[in-house]
Amino acid sequence: MNPEKVVIFIDGSNLFHAIRQMNIKIDYQKLVDFLKEDRRLVRAYFYSAIPQEKDLKRESQEWESLQRQKRFLDELSLMGIKVKLARLRRLQSGEFVE
């Protein structure tokens, strides 16, 4: 008998803010394994948004944060999690929006 199939969608922004508020760390491989249970994983997706490099000043705190985020997203990709990105734009007010 064929096992049930599952596709996992992770909202990276909401998860990031939740774990930051709770001051915890997540092993994303374990999270995917937990969510898939005994089903066959078709694909796990991680949705996030990042600012464009042109909107940031090099050597700024925002620049360093973007570099850490890129390394994290690369690690997810190496785990087999498909990363889907939206680009943030900086408004004249300085805030970022999708």
C-alpha atoms as a PDB file:
ATOM      1  CA  MET A   1       0.000   0.000   0.000  1.00  0.00           C
ATOM      2  CA  ASN A   2       1.305   3.461  -0.920  1.00  0.00           C
ATOM      3  CA  PRO A   3       1.838   5.813   1.995  1.00  0.00           C
ATOM      4  CA  GLU A   4       0.004   9.105   2.105  1.00  0.00           C
ATOM      5  CA  LYS A   5       1.892  12.015   0.537  1.00  0.00           C
ATOM      6  CA  VAL A   6       2.461  15.383   2.179  1.00  0.00           C
ATOM      7  CA  VAL A   7       3.743  18.790   1.099  1.00  0.00           C
ATOM      8  CA  ILE A   8       4.919  21.126   3.870  1.00  0.00           C
ATOM      9  CA  PHE A   9       4.692  24.915   3.653  1.00  0.00           C
ATOM     10  CA  ILE A  10       6.612  26.931   6.253  1.00  0.00           C
ATOM     11  CA  ASP A  11       5.912  30.652   6.682  1.00  0.00           C
ATOM     12  CA  GLY A  12       9.428  31.752   7.520  1.00  0.00           C
ATOM     13  CA  SER A  13       8.600  35.253   8.688  1.00  0.00           C
ATOM     14  CA  ASN A  14       5.925  34.206  11.160  1.00  0.00           C
ATOM     15  CA  LEU A  15       8.047  31.336  12.438  1.00  0.00           C
ATOM     16  CA  PHE A  16      11.083  33.601  12.813  1.00  0.00           C
ATOM     17  CA  HIS A  17       9.179  36.124  14.925  1.00  0.00           C
ATOM     18  CA  ALA A  18       7.570  33.401  17.048  1.00  0.00           C
ATOM     19  CA  ILE A  19      10.839  31.631  17.883  1.00  0.00           C
ATOM     20  CA  ARG A  20      12.530  34.964  18.513  1.00  0.00           C
ATOM     21  CA  GLN A  21       9.795  35.962  20.965  1.00  0.00           C
ATOM     22  CA  MET A  22       9.986  32.558  22.659  1.00  0.00           C
ATOM     23  CA  ASN A  23      13.802  32.645  22.602  1.00  0.00           C
ATOM     24  CA  ILE A  24      14.151  29.129  21.184  1.00  0.00           C
ATOM     25  CA  LYS A  25      15.958  27.504  18.276  1.00  0.00           C
ATOM     26  CA  ILE A  26      14.479  25.082  15.787  1.00  0.00           C
ATOM     27  CA  ASP A  27      16.086  22.144  14.036  1.00  0.00           C
ATOM     28  CA  TYR A  28      14.320  22.460  10.692  1.00  0.00           C
ATOM     29  CA  GLN A  29      15.136  18.917   9.623  1.00  0.00           C
ATOM     30  CA  LYS A  30      13.489  17.605  12.787  1.00  0.00           C
ATOM     31  CA  LEU A  31      10.525  19.925  12.207  1.00  0.00           C
ATOM     32  CA  VAL A  32      10.004  18.551   8.708  1.00  0.00           C
ATOM     33  CA  ASP A  33      10.367  14.969   9.947  1.00  0.00           C
ATOM     34  CA  PHE A  34       7.845  15.639  12.721  1.00  0.00           C
ATOM     35  CA  LEU A  35       5.327  17.216  10.356  1.00  0.00           C
ATOM     36  CA  LYS A  36       5.567  14.504   7.737  1.00  0.00           C
ATOM     37  CA  GLU A  37       5.103  11.723  10.295  1.00  0.00           C
ATOM     38  CA  ASP A  38       4.879   8.390   8.428  1.00  0.00           C
ATOM     39  CA  ARG A  39       3.815  10.004   5.157  1.00  0.00           C
ATOM     40  CA  ARG A  40       5.949  10.341   2.044  1.00  0.00           C
ATOM     41  CA  LEU A  41       7.332  13.858   1.784  1.00  0.00           C
ATOM     42  CA  VAL A  42       6.784  15.288  -1.677  1.00  0.00           C
ATOM     43  CA  ARG A  43       8.466  18.607  -0.875  1.00  0.00           C
ATOM     44  CA  ALA A  44       9.007  21.048   1.984  1.00  0.00           C
ATOM     45  CA  TYR A  45       8.853  24.756   1.148  1.00  0.00           C
ATOM     46  CA  PHE A  46      10.137  27.669   3.212  1.00  0.00           C
ATOM     47  CA  TYR A  47       8.696  31.056   2.287  1.00  0.00           C
ATOM     48  CA  SER A  48      10.506  34.223   3.294  1.00  0.00           C
ATOM     49  CA  ALA A  49      11.267  37.744   2.134  1.00  0.00           C
ATOM     50  CA  ILE A  50      14.602  39.524   2.078  1.00  0.00           C
ATOM     51  CA  PRO A  51      15.626  43.093   1.286  1.00  0.00           C
ATOM     52  CA  GLN A  52      17.486  43.842  -1.896  1.00  0.00           C
ATOM     53  CA  GLU A  53      21.193  44.442  -1.399  1.00  0.00           C
ATOM     54  CA  LYS A  54      20.950  47.766  -3.240  1.00  0.00           C
ATOM     55  CA  ASP A  55      18.678  49.030  -0.433  1.00  0.00           C
ATOM     56  CA  LEU A  56      21.269  48.350   2.264  1.00  0.00           C
ATOM     57  CA  LYS A  57      24.536  50.014   3.173  1.00  0.00           C
ATOM     58  CA  ARG A  58      27.497  47.664   3.294  1.00  0.00           C
ATOM     59  CA  GLU A  59      28.946  47.085   6.760  1.00  0.00           C
ATOM     60  CA  SER A  60      25.640  48.114   8.349  1.00  0.00           C
ATOM     61  CA  GLN A  61      23.764  45.995  10.862  1.00  0.00           C
ATOM     62  CA  GLU A  62      21.067  45.364   8.220  1.00  0.00           C
ATOM     63  CA  TRP A  63      23.744  44.178   5.758  1.00  0.00           C
ATOM     64  CA  GLU A  64      25.170  41.744   8.301  1.00  0.00           C
ATOM     65  CA  SER A  65      21.664  40.499   9.116  1.00  0.00           C
ATOM     66  CA  LEU A  66      20.996  39.882   5.414  1.00  0.00           C
ATOM     67  CA  GLN A  67      24.239  37.896   5.090  1.00  0.00           C
ATOM     68  CA  ARG A  68      23.272  35.712   8.087  1.00  0.00           C
ATOM     69  CA  GLN A  69      19.809  35.202   6.595  1.00  0.00           C
ATOM     70  CA  LYS A  70      21.310  34.159   3.244  1.00  0.00           C
ATOM     71  CA  ARG A  71      23.569  31.605   4.973  1.00  0.00           C
ATOM     72  CA  PHE A  72      20.556  30.238   6.862  1.00  0.00           C
ATOM     73  CA  LEU A  73      18.530  29.948   3.636  1.00  0.00           C
ATOM     74  CA  ASP A  74      21.453  28.169   1.953  1.00  0.00           C
ATOM     75  CA  GLU A  75      21.518  25.663   4.835  1.00  0.00           C
ATOM     76  CA  LEU A  76      17.795  25.003   4.388  1.00  0.00           C
ATOM     77  CA  SER A  77      18.387  24.363   0.680  1.00  0.00           C
ATOM     78  CA  LEU A  78      21.153  21.900   1.502  1.00  0.00           C
ATOM     79  CA  MET A  79      18.641  20.032   3.713  1.00  0.00           C
ATOM     80  CA  GLY A  80      16.357  19.653   0.715  1.00  0.00           C
ATOM     81  CA  ILE A  81      13.919  22.371   1.780  1.00  0.00           C
ATOM     82  CA  LYS A  82      12.876  24.469  -1.227  1.00  0.00           C
ATOM     83  CA  VAL A  83      13.325  28.156  -0.394  1.00  0.00           C
ATOM     84  CA  LYS A  84      10.920  30.610  -2.038  1.00  0.00           C
ATOM     85  CA  LEU A  85      11.791  34.289  -1.669  1.00  0.00           C
ATOM     86  CA  ALA A  86       9.957  37.545  -2.128  1.00  0.00           C
ATOM     87  CA  ARG A  87      11.925  40.772  -2.376  1.00  0.00           C
ATOM     88  CA  LEU A  88      11.357  43.514   0.144  1.00  0.00           C
ATOM     89  CA  ARG A  89      11.383  47.136  -0.995  1.00  0.00           C
ATOM     90  CA  ARG A  90      12.426  50.030   1.196  1.00  0.00           C
ATOM     91  CA  LEU A  91       9.893  52.843   1.417  1.00  0.00           C
ATOM     92  CA  GLN A  92      10.930  56.470   1.808  1.00  0.00           C
ATOM     93  CA  SER A  93       9.982  56.106   5.477  1.00  0.00           C
ATOM     94  CA  GLY A  94      12.763  53.505   5.779  1.00  0.00           C
ATOM     95  CA  GLU A  95      10.391  50.597   6.340  1.00  0.00           C
ATOM     96  CA  PHE A  96      10.463  47.453   4.215  1.00  0.00           C
ATOM     97  CA  VAL A  97       7.390  46.055   2.413  1.00  0.00           C
ATOM     98  CA  GLU A  98       6.841  43.124   0.064  1.00  0.00           C
END
